[in-house]
Amino acid sequence: MPATATAAATLPMPPLALVARPDDSYLRLTPAGAAEWVTDPASATAFDTLREATRMAMRLPAGLRAFGLPRVGSSE
């Protein structure tokens, strides 16, 4: 494996995805694990992959209608 590939594989990636609802609210998990909805995406819980965000959205009750959403414009 080339040295550049090894170096790239060890660098931490910024969180890439959020859980969002159509009403422009975003999921924030409290330290106790409870879900709350916030309007500021910067304060929402970020997930490392879109797959993780989508899995979390699918675990919520169907009435909440949430989706995994790629995080854009991240300055991290």
C-alpha atoms as a PDB file:
ATOM      1  CA  MET A   1       0.000   0.000   0.000  1.00  0.00           C
ATOM      2  CA  PRO A   2       1.471   3.424  -0.919  1.00  0.00           C
ATOM      3  CA  ALA A   3       2.453   5.727   1.950  1.00  0.00           C
ATOM      4  CA  THR A   4      -0.099   8.356   0.892  1.00  0.00           C
ATOM      5  CA  ALA A   5      -2.972   5.879   1.108  1.00  0.00           C
ATOM      6  CA  THR A   6      -1.890   4.838   4.611  1.00  0.00           C
ATOM      7  CA  ALA A   7      -1.662   8.452   5.771  1.00  0.00           C
ATOM      8  CA  ALA A   8      -5.076   9.284   4.320  1.00  0.00           C
ATOM      9  CA  ALA A   9      -6.650   6.247   5.973  1.00  0.00           C
ATOM     10  CA  THR A  10      -5.496   7.340   9.440  1.00  0.00           C
ATOM     11  CA  LEU A  11      -6.680  10.964   9.291  1.00  0.00           C
ATOM     12  CA  PRO A  12      -9.954  11.583  11.155  1.00  0.00           C
ATOM     13  CA  MET A  13     -12.896  12.528   8.967  1.00  0.00           C
ATOM     14  CA  PRO A  14     -15.396  15.201  10.032  1.00  0.00           C
ATOM     15  CA  PRO A  15     -18.954  13.996  10.625  1.00  0.00           C
ATOM     16  CA  LEU A  16     -20.693  13.782   7.264  1.00  0.00           C
ATOM     17  CA  ALA A  17     -24.423  13.399   7.919  1.00  0.00           C
ATOM     18  CA  LEU A  18     -27.404  14.532   9.985  1.00  0.00           C
ATOM     19  CA  VAL A  19     -30.917  13.238  10.604  1.00  0.00           C
ATOM     20  CA  ALA A  20     -33.463  15.751   9.333  1.00  0.00           C
ATOM     21  CA  ARG A  21     -37.213  16.165   9.016  1.00  0.00           C
ATOM     22  CA  PRO A  22     -39.087  17.896   6.166  1.00  0.00           C
ATOM     23  CA  ASP A  23     -39.946  20.821   8.479  1.00  0.00           C
ATOM     24  CA  ASP A  24     -36.234  21.812   8.620  1.00  0.00           C
ATOM     25  CA  SER A  25     -35.584  20.380  12.061  1.00  0.00           C
ATOM     26  CA  TYR A  26     -32.590  18.223  12.935  1.00  0.00           C
ATOM     27  CA  LEU A  27     -32.084  15.440  15.441  1.00  0.00           C
ATOM     28  CA  ARG A  28     -30.019  16.089  18.553  1.00  0.00           C
ATOM     29  CA  LEU A  29     -29.403  13.221  20.950  1.00  0.00           C
ATOM     30  CA  THR A  30     -29.110  14.263  24.588  1.00  0.00           C
ATOM     31  CA  PRO A  31     -26.439  12.737  26.850  1.00  0.00           C
ATOM     32  CA  ALA A  32     -29.190  10.501  28.269  1.00  0.00           C
ATOM     33  CA  GLY A  33     -29.962   9.249  24.741  1.00  0.00           C
ATOM     34  CA  ALA A  34     -33.292  11.050  24.302  1.00  0.00           C
ATOM     35  CA  ALA A  35     -34.095  12.531  20.904  1.00  0.00           C
ATOM     36  CA  GLU A  36     -34.967  16.198  20.551  1.00  0.00           C
ATOM     37  CA  TRP A  37     -35.467  18.280  17.426  1.00  0.00           C
ATOM     38  CA  VAL A  38     -33.580  21.548  16.868  1.00  0.00           C
ATOM     39  CA  THR A  39     -33.683  24.099  14.048  1.00  0.00           C
ATOM     40  CA  ASP A  40     -29.930  24.763  13.979  1.00  0.00           C
ATOM     41  CA  PRO A  41     -28.014  22.050  12.080  1.00  0.00           C
ATOM     42  CA  ALA A  42     -24.789  23.074  13.842  1.00  0.00           C
ATOM     43  CA  SER A  43     -26.241  21.947  17.183  1.00  0.00           C
ATOM     44  CA  ALA A  44     -27.616  18.661  15.804  1.00  0.00           C
ATOM     45  CA  THR A  45     -25.973  15.307  16.383  1.00  0.00           C
ATOM     46  CA  ALA A  46     -23.626  14.573  13.484  1.00  0.00           C
ATOM     47  CA  PHE A  47     -23.035  11.035  12.242  1.00  0.00           C
ATOM     48  CA  ASP A  48     -19.821   9.750  10.688  1.00  0.00           C
ATOM     49  CA  THR A  49     -21.566   8.303   7.636  1.00  0.00           C
ATOM     50  CA  LEU A  50     -24.792   8.816   5.751  1.00  0.00           C
ATOM     51  CA  ARG A  51     -25.549   5.150   6.402  1.00  0.00           C
ATOM     52  CA  GLU A  52     -25.450   5.697  10.188  1.00  0.00           C
ATOM     53  CA  ALA A  53     -27.729   8.749   9.905  1.00  0.00           C
ATOM     54  CA  THR A  54     -30.184   6.839   7.706  1.00  0.00           C
ATOM     55  CA  ARG A  55     -30.236   3.894  10.121  1.00  0.00           C
ATOM     56  CA  MET A  56     -31.019   6.251  13.012  1.00  0.00           C
ATOM     57  CA  ALA A  57     -33.808   7.887  10.991  1.00  0.00           C
ATOM     58  CA  MET A  58     -35.323   4.472  10.202  1.00  0.00           C
ATOM     59  CA  ARG A  59     -35.358   3.567  13.915  1.00  0.00           C
ATOM     60  CA  LEU A  60     -37.560   6.544  14.776  1.00  0.00           C
ATOM     61  CA  PRO A  61     -41.371   6.210  14.790  1.00  0.00           C
ATOM     62  CA  ALA A  62     -42.853   6.433  11.286  1.00  0.00           C
ATOM     63  CA  GLY A  63     -44.913   9.479  12.237  1.00  0.00           C
ATOM     64  CA  LEU A  64     -41.744  11.536  12.610  1.00  0.00           C
ATOM     65  CA  ARG A  65     -40.789  11.004   8.944  1.00  0.00           C
ATOM     66  CA  ALA A  66     -37.060  11.628   9.247  1.00  0.00           C
ATOM     67  CA  PHE A  67     -34.266  11.118   6.724  1.00  0.00           C
ATOM     68  CA  GLY A  68     -30.501  10.823   6.664  1.00  0.00           C
ATOM     69  CA  LEU A  69     -29.093  13.982   5.089  1.00  0.00           C
ATOM     70  CA  PRO A  70     -25.550  14.675   3.880  1.00  0.00           C
ATOM     71  CA  ARG A  71     -23.900  17.490   5.793  1.00  0.00           C
ATOM     72  CA  VAL A  72     -22.826  20.280   3.434  1.00  0.00           C
ATOM     73  CA  GLY A  73     -20.683  23.327   4.039  1.00  0.00           C
ATOM     74  CA  SER A  74     -18.933  21.812   7.034  1.00  0.00           C
ATOM     75  CA  SER A  75     -15.963  23.903   8.115  1.00  0.00           C
ATOM     76  CA  GLU A  76     -14.606  21.176  10.395  1.00  0.00           C
END
